[in-house]
Amino acid sequence: FNPIRLLIRPANMSYNRGMDHDLPPDILSAAQTIWNFHGVNHTVEPCDVMLVLGSHDLRVPDHAVTLFQQNMVPLIVCSGGIAHTGDLLATGWDRTEADVFADRMIAQAVPGNVILREQHATNTGQNFS
């Protein structure tokens, strides 16, 4: 079982379509079930604030920029410290995820004064405690 194969795929591709893999069918079925569960496909509606959770995936702030440009949200909170070092999700950044995400959004014309930075959380649970 190679978890890297599960993580590297185009964002719009379903889990098992077009993959070069040798995973057993029961593992593929379980992974597809989890993938489908997380892909809730909710309709995006305007809100007062958007919480952008840090991660190693730079498509996250890019999508936040798209939602901001569509006038879905007037205020953005970027959250994330330096959470992963030396593991599969390590970013290699020497700055917090919040700073990397916020700066990426500012570079795409989101005004800095609409972005708040929470730079200490190292996991999602810390954002809500």
N, C-alpha and C. Protein backbone atom coordinates (compact mmCIF):
# COMPACT_ATOMS: atom_id res chain seq x y z
N PHE A 1 0.85 -1.17 0.00
CA PHE A 1 0.00 0.00 0.00
C PHE A 1 0.89 1.23 0.00
N ASN A 2 0.78 2.06 -1.00
CA ASN A 2 1.60 3.25 -1.12
C ASN A 2 0.73 4.48 -1.00
N PRO A 3 0.72 5.17 0.18
CA PRO A 3 -0.16 6.32 0.38
C PRO A 3 0.13 7.46 -0.56
N ILE A 4 1.36 7.56 -1.06
CA ILE A 4 1.68 8.66 -1.97
C ILE A 4 0.87 8.54 -3.24
N ARG A 5 0.65 7.33 -3.72
CA ARG A 5 -0.17 7.15 -4.91
C ARG A 5 -1.59 7.66 -4.70
N LEU A 6 -2.08 7.55 -3.47
CA LEU A 6 -3.42 8.02 -3.19
C LEU A 6 -3.49 9.55 -3.18
N LEU A 7 -2.39 10.21 -2.83
CA LEU A 7 -2.41 11.66 -2.69
C LEU A 7 -2.13 12.39 -4.00
N ILE A 8 -1.42 11.77 -4.91
CA ILE A 8 -1.04 12.46 -6.13
C ILE A 8 -2.02 12.10 -7.24
N ARG A 9 -2.88 13.05 -7.55
CA ARG A 9 -3.87 12.89 -8.60
C ARG A 9 -4.44 14.26 -8.92
N PRO A 10 -4.94 14.47 -10.11
CA PRO A 10 -5.59 15.74 -10.40
C PRO A 10 -6.77 15.96 -9.47
N ALA A 11 -7.00 17.21 -9.09
CA ALA A 11 -8.03 17.54 -8.11
C ALA A 11 -9.42 17.12 -8.56
N ASN A 12 -9.68 17.13 -9.86
CA ASN A 12 -11.03 16.82 -10.34
C ASN A 12 -11.19 15.36 -10.76
N MET A 13 -10.23 14.51 -10.48
CA MET A 13 -10.31 13.10 -10.88
C MET A 13 -10.83 12.27 -9.72
N SER A 14 -11.80 11.42 -9.97
CA SER A 14 -12.25 10.55 -8.89
C SER A 14 -11.10 9.62 -8.53
N TYR A 15 -11.20 9.01 -7.37
CA TYR A 15 -10.08 8.27 -6.81
C TYR A 15 -9.53 7.20 -7.74
N ASN A 16 -10.37 6.33 -8.28
CA ASN A 16 -9.83 5.16 -8.97
C ASN A 16 -9.88 5.24 -10.49
N ARG A 17 -10.30 6.34 -11.06
CA ARG A 17 -10.39 6.45 -12.51
C ARG A 17 -9.04 6.87 -13.08
N GLY A 18 -8.47 6.06 -13.94
CA GLY A 18 -7.26 6.42 -14.63
C GLY A 18 -5.99 6.30 -13.80
N MET A 19 -6.05 5.66 -12.66
CA MET A 19 -4.87 5.55 -11.82
C MET A 19 -4.05 4.33 -12.21
N ASP A 20 -2.75 4.48 -12.15
CA ASP A 20 -1.85 3.36 -12.33
C ASP A 20 -1.54 2.83 -10.93
N HIS A 21 -2.24 1.79 -10.52
CA HIS A 21 -2.09 1.29 -9.16
C HIS A 21 -2.19 -0.21 -9.13
N ASP A 22 -1.76 -0.77 -8.04
CA ASP A 22 -1.86 -2.21 -7.84
C ASP A 22 -2.52 -2.53 -6.50
N LEU A 23 -3.43 -1.66 -6.09
CA LEU A 23 -4.13 -1.86 -4.82
C LEU A 23 -5.23 -2.91 -4.98
N PRO A 24 -5.46 -3.70 -3.95
CA PRO A 24 -6.53 -4.70 -4.00
C PRO A 24 -7.90 -4.02 -4.11
N PRO A 25 -8.86 -4.69 -4.73
CA PRO A 25 -10.19 -4.10 -4.92
C PRO A 25 -10.86 -3.65 -3.63
N ASP A 26 -10.66 -4.38 -2.51
CA ASP A 26 -11.31 -3.96 -1.26
C ASP A 26 -10.72 -2.64 -0.75
N ILE A 27 -9.42 -2.43 -0.94
CA ILE A 27 -8.78 -1.17 -0.54
C ILE A 27 -9.28 -0.04 -1.45
N LEU A 28 -9.37 -0.30 -2.74
CA LEU A 28 -9.88 0.71 -3.67
C LEU A 28 -11.32 1.08 -3.33
N SER A 29 -12.13 0.10 -3.01
CA SER A 29 -13.52 0.36 -2.65
C SER A 29 -13.62 1.20 -1.38
N ALA A 30 -12.82 0.86 -0.38
CA ALA A 30 -12.83 1.62 0.87
C ALA A 30 -12.35 3.05 0.63
N ALA A 31 -11.30 3.21 -0.16
CA ALA A 31 -10.79 4.55 -0.47
C ALA A 31 -11.83 5.37 -1.23
N GLN A 32 -12.54 4.74 -2.15
CA GLN A 32 -13.58 5.44 -2.91
C GLN A 32 -14.70 5.90 -1.98
N THR A 33 -15.07 5.06 -1.02
CA THR A 33 -16.11 5.42 -0.05
C THR A 33 -15.68 6.65 0.75
N ILE A 34 -14.44 6.66 1.22
CA ILE A 34 -13.93 7.81 1.98
C ILE A 34 -13.88 9.04 1.09
N TRP A 35 -13.39 8.88 -0.13
CA TRP A 35 -13.31 10.01 -1.08
C TRP A 35 -14.71 10.60 -1.32
N ASN A 36 -15.68 9.75 -1.55
CA ASN A 36 -17.05 10.22 -1.80
C ASN A 36 -17.62 10.93 -0.58
N PHE A 37 -17.32 10.43 0.61
CA PHE A 37 -17.81 11.05 1.84
C PHE A 37 -17.27 12.47 1.97
N HIS A 38 -16.01 12.66 1.69
CA HIS A 38 -15.40 13.98 1.83
C HIS A 38 -15.78 14.92 0.70
N GLY A 39 -16.19 14.40 -0.42
CA GLY A 39 -16.63 15.25 -1.53
C GLY A 39 -18.11 15.54 -1.43
N VAL A 40 -18.49 16.36 -0.45
CA VAL A 40 -19.90 16.56 -0.15
C VAL A 40 -20.63 17.41 -1.20
N ASN A 41 -19.89 18.15 -2.01
CA ASN A 41 -20.48 18.92 -3.11
C ASN A 41 -21.60 19.85 -2.67
N HIS A 42 -21.41 20.53 -1.54
CA HIS A 42 -22.37 21.51 -1.08
C HIS A 42 -22.37 22.72 -2.00
N THR A 43 -23.50 23.37 -2.10
CA THR A 43 -23.58 24.62 -2.82
C THR A 43 -22.91 25.70 -1.97
N VAL A 44 -22.02 26.44 -2.59
CA VAL A 44 -21.32 27.50 -1.87
C VAL A 44 -22.22 28.73 -1.84
N GLU A 45 -22.40 29.29 -0.64
CA GLU A 45 -23.24 30.46 -0.45
C GLU A 45 -22.43 31.55 0.24
N PRO A 46 -22.79 32.80 0.03
CA PRO A 46 -22.08 33.89 0.72
C PRO A 46 -22.14 33.72 2.23
N CYS A 47 -21.08 34.15 2.90
CA CYS A 47 -21.02 34.09 4.35
C CYS A 47 -20.25 35.30 4.88
N ASP A 48 -20.20 35.44 6.20
CA ASP A 48 -19.55 36.59 6.82
C ASP A 48 -18.04 36.46 6.90
N VAL A 49 -17.56 35.25 7.09
CA VAL A 49 -16.12 35.02 7.22
C VAL A 49 -15.79 33.63 6.70
N MET A 50 -14.62 33.48 6.10
CA MET A 50 -14.17 32.19 5.60
C MET A 50 -12.92 31.78 6.38
N LEU A 51 -12.96 30.59 6.97
CA LEU A 51 -11.80 30.03 7.66
C LEU A 51 -11.05 29.16 6.67
N VAL A 52 -9.82 29.53 6.39
CA VAL A 52 -8.98 28.79 5.45
C VAL A 52 -7.97 28.02 6.30
N LEU A 53 -8.17 26.73 6.39
CA LEU A 53 -7.32 25.88 7.21
C LEU A 53 -6.01 25.59 6.48
N GLY A 54 -4.92 25.73 7.20
CA GLY A 54 -3.61 25.49 6.61
C GLY A 54 -3.42 24.04 6.21
N SER A 55 -2.57 23.85 5.24
CA SER A 55 -2.21 22.52 4.76
C SER A 55 -0.99 22.66 3.86
N HIS A 56 -0.58 21.57 3.26
CA HIS A 56 0.53 21.60 2.31
C HIS A 56 0.06 21.89 0.89
N ASP A 57 -1.24 22.04 0.70
CA ASP A 57 -1.86 22.14 -0.62
C ASP A 57 -2.13 23.60 -0.98
N LEU A 58 -1.35 24.15 -1.89
CA LEU A 58 -1.50 25.55 -2.27
C LEU A 58 -2.74 25.83 -3.12
N ARG A 59 -3.47 24.79 -3.47
CA ARG A 59 -4.75 25.03 -4.16
C ARG A 59 -5.79 25.57 -3.18
N VAL A 60 -5.58 25.35 -1.88
CA VAL A 60 -6.52 25.84 -0.87
C VAL A 60 -6.60 27.37 -0.89
N PRO A 61 -5.49 28.10 -0.75
CA PRO A 61 -5.62 29.56 -0.83
C PRO A 61 -6.06 30.04 -2.20
N ASP A 62 -5.69 29.32 -3.24
CA ASP A 62 -6.13 29.71 -4.59
C ASP A 62 -7.65 29.64 -4.71
N HIS A 63 -8.24 28.60 -4.13
CA HIS A 63 -9.70 28.48 -4.15
C HIS A 63 -10.34 29.56 -3.29
N ALA A 64 -9.70 29.88 -2.17
CA ALA A 64 -10.21 30.97 -1.32
C ALA A 64 -10.22 32.29 -2.10
N VAL A 65 -9.20 32.53 -2.90
CA VAL A 65 -9.15 33.73 -3.73
C VAL A 65 -10.33 33.74 -4.69
N THR A 66 -10.60 32.63 -5.32
CA THR A 66 -11.73 32.55 -6.25
C THR A 66 -13.03 32.90 -5.55
N LEU A 67 -13.26 32.35 -4.37
CA LEU A 67 -14.49 32.65 -3.63
C LEU A 67 -14.55 34.12 -3.23
N PHE A 68 -13.42 34.69 -2.82
CA PHE A 68 -13.39 36.11 -2.48
C PHE A 68 -13.73 36.95 -3.71
N GLN A 69 -13.15 36.62 -4.84
CA GLN A 69 -13.40 37.38 -6.08
C GLN A 69 -14.84 37.25 -6.56
N GLN A 70 -15.51 36.19 -6.14
CA GLN A 70 -16.93 36.02 -6.47
C GLN A 70 -17.83 36.68 -5.43
N ASN A 71 -17.25 37.49 -4.57
CA ASN A 71 -17.98 38.21 -3.51
C ASN A 71 -18.74 37.28 -2.58
N MET A 72 -18.17 36.12 -2.31
CA MET A 72 -18.80 35.18 -1.40
C MET A 72 -18.50 35.50 0.06
N VAL A 73 -17.44 36.29 0.30
CA VAL A 73 -17.00 36.53 1.67
C VAL A 73 -16.23 37.85 1.75
N PRO A 74 -16.48 38.65 2.81
CA PRO A 74 -15.74 39.90 2.96
C PRO A 74 -14.50 39.78 3.86
N LEU A 75 -14.40 38.70 4.63
CA LEU A 75 -13.31 38.55 5.59
C LEU A 75 -12.78 37.12 5.55
N ILE A 76 -11.46 36.98 5.59
CA ILE A 76 -10.82 35.68 5.51
C ILE A 76 -9.91 35.50 6.72
N VAL A 77 -9.98 34.33 7.35
CA VAL A 77 -9.04 33.97 8.41
C VAL A 77 -8.18 32.82 7.90
N CYS A 78 -6.88 33.06 7.79
CA CYS A 78 -5.94 32.00 7.42
C CYS A 78 -5.38 31.43 8.71
N SER A 79 -5.50 30.14 8.88
CA SER A 79 -5.05 29.50 10.11
C SER A 79 -4.01 28.44 9.81
N GLY A 80 -2.96 28.42 10.61
CA GLY A 80 -1.97 27.36 10.49
C GLY A 80 -0.60 27.80 10.92
N GLY A 81 -0.02 27.04 11.81
CA GLY A 81 1.35 27.28 12.25
C GLY A 81 2.29 26.46 11.39
N ILE A 82 3.38 26.05 11.98
CA ILE A 82 4.30 25.12 11.31
C ILE A 82 4.00 23.76 11.92
N ALA A 83 3.17 23.01 11.22
CA ALA A 83 2.59 21.80 11.80
C ALA A 83 3.37 20.53 11.49
N HIS A 84 3.86 20.41 10.30
CA HIS A 84 4.47 19.14 9.88
C HIS A 84 5.93 19.36 9.52
N THR A 85 6.77 18.62 10.16
CA THR A 85 8.19 18.64 9.80
C THR A 85 8.66 17.19 9.74
N GLY A 86 9.25 16.84 8.64
CA GLY A 86 9.80 15.50 8.50
C GLY A 86 8.79 14.39 8.30
N ASP A 87 7.56 14.72 7.87
CA ASP A 87 6.59 13.67 7.61
C ASP A 87 6.01 13.85 6.20
N LEU A 88 5.05 13.02 5.86
CA LEU A 88 4.47 13.03 4.52
C LEU A 88 3.86 14.37 4.15
N LEU A 89 3.36 15.12 5.13
CA LEU A 89 2.71 16.40 4.86
C LEU A 89 3.63 17.60 5.07
N ALA A 90 4.90 17.37 5.25
CA ALA A 90 5.85 18.47 5.46
C ALA A 90 5.83 19.40 4.25
N THR A 91 5.80 20.69 4.52
CA THR A 91 5.74 21.68 3.44
C THR A 91 7.11 22.12 2.97
N GLY A 92 8.08 22.09 3.85
CA GLY A 92 9.39 22.61 3.53
C GLY A 92 9.47 24.12 3.67
N TRP A 93 8.37 24.74 4.09
CA TRP A 93 8.34 26.19 4.27
C TRP A 93 8.99 26.55 5.60
N ASP A 94 9.63 27.72 5.66
CA ASP A 94 10.19 28.19 6.91
C ASP A 94 9.28 29.23 7.57
N ARG A 95 8.06 29.33 7.07
CA ARG A 95 7.06 30.26 7.61
C ARG A 95 5.80 29.47 7.94
N THR A 96 4.90 30.08 8.67
CA THR A 96 3.66 29.40 9.02
C THR A 96 2.78 29.21 7.79
N GLU A 97 1.92 28.21 7.88
CA GLU A 97 0.96 27.98 6.80
C GLU A 97 0.07 29.21 6.63
N ALA A 98 -0.32 29.85 7.72
CA ALA A 98 -1.15 31.06 7.64
C ALA A 98 -0.45 32.15 6.84
N ASP A 99 0.82 32.35 7.10
CA ASP A 99 1.56 33.39 6.37
C ASP A 99 1.72 33.04 4.89
N VAL A 100 2.05 31.80 4.60
CA VAL A 100 2.20 31.38 3.20
C VAL A 100 0.89 31.57 2.45
N PHE A 101 -0.22 31.12 3.06
CA PHE A 101 -1.52 31.23 2.41
C PHE A 101 -1.93 32.69 2.23
N ALA A 102 -1.79 33.49 3.29
CA ALA A 102 -2.19 34.89 3.22
C ALA A 102 -1.37 35.63 2.16
N ASP A 103 -0.08 35.43 2.14
CA ASP A 103 0.76 36.11 1.16
C ASP A 103 0.43 35.67 -0.26
N ARG A 104 0.08 34.41 -0.43
CA ARG A 104 -0.31 33.93 -1.76
C ARG A 104 -1.61 34.60 -2.21
N MET A 105 -2.55 34.78 -1.28
CA MET A 105 -3.81 35.46 -1.61
C MET A 105 -3.57 36.93 -1.93
N ILE A 106 -2.71 37.58 -1.16
CA ILE A 106 -2.40 38.98 -1.41
C ILE A 106 -1.75 39.14 -2.79
N ALA A 107 -0.90 38.20 -3.16
CA ALA A 107 -0.26 38.23 -4.48
C ALA A 107 -1.29 38.08 -5.61
N GLN A 108 -2.48 37.57 -5.28
CA GLN A 108 -3.55 37.42 -6.26
C GLN A 108 -4.63 38.49 -6.07
N ALA A 109 -4.23 39.61 -5.49
CA ALA A 109 -5.07 40.82 -5.40
C ALA A 109 -6.14 40.79 -4.32
N VAL A 110 -6.04 39.91 -3.34
CA VAL A 110 -6.92 40.00 -2.17
C VAL A 110 -6.28 41.05 -1.24
N PRO A 111 -7.02 42.07 -0.84
CA PRO A 111 -6.44 43.10 0.03
C PRO A 111 -5.99 42.51 1.37
N GLY A 112 -4.81 42.89 1.80
CA GLY A 112 -4.28 42.38 3.06
C GLY A 112 -5.13 42.71 4.27
N ASN A 113 -5.89 43.80 4.19
CA ASN A 113 -6.69 44.21 5.35
C ASN A 113 -7.96 43.37 5.53
N VAL A 114 -8.25 42.44 4.64
CA VAL A 114 -9.40 41.55 4.82
C VAL A 114 -8.96 40.16 5.27
N ILE A 115 -7.65 39.99 5.49
CA ILE A 115 -7.11 38.69 5.88
C ILE A 115 -6.57 38.77 7.31
N LEU A 116 -7.11 37.92 8.18
CA LEU A 116 -6.58 37.77 9.53
C LEU A 116 -5.72 36.51 9.55
N ARG A 117 -4.65 36.53 10.32
CA ARG A 117 -3.74 35.38 10.38
C ARG A 117 -3.72 34.78 11.78
N GLU A 118 -4.02 33.50 11.86
CA GLU A 118 -3.89 32.72 13.10
C GLU A 118 -2.69 31.82 12.86
N GLN A 119 -1.58 32.09 13.54
CA GLN A 119 -0.31 31.46 13.19
C GLN A 119 0.17 30.40 14.19
N HIS A 120 -0.70 29.93 15.06
CA HIS A 120 -0.24 29.02 16.10
C HIS A 120 -0.81 27.61 16.01
N ALA A 121 -1.99 27.43 15.46
CA ALA A 121 -2.61 26.11 15.42
C ALA A 121 -1.77 25.14 14.59
N THR A 122 -1.59 23.95 15.13
CA THR A 122 -0.86 22.91 14.40
C THR A 122 -1.77 21.77 13.99
N ASN A 123 -3.06 21.88 14.31
CA ASN A 123 -4.06 20.92 13.85
C ASN A 123 -5.43 21.59 13.91
N THR A 124 -6.38 21.03 13.23
CA THR A 124 -7.70 21.64 13.12
C THR A 124 -8.38 21.77 14.47
N GLY A 125 -8.20 20.81 15.36
CA GLY A 125 -8.82 20.88 16.67
C GLY A 125 -8.41 22.11 17.45
N GLN A 126 -7.18 22.55 17.27
CA GLN A 126 -6.71 23.74 17.98
C GLN A 126 -7.42 25.01 17.50
N ASN A 127 -7.98 25.00 16.32
CA ASN A 127 -8.71 26.16 15.83
C ASN A 127 -10.01 26.35 16.58
N PHE A 128 -10.50 25.31 17.22
CA PHE A 128 -11.82 25.37 17.85
C PHE A 128 -11.77 25.18 19.35
N SER A 129 -10.57 25.17 19.92
CA SER A 129 -10.46 24.99 21.37
C SER A 129 -10.04 26.28 22.05
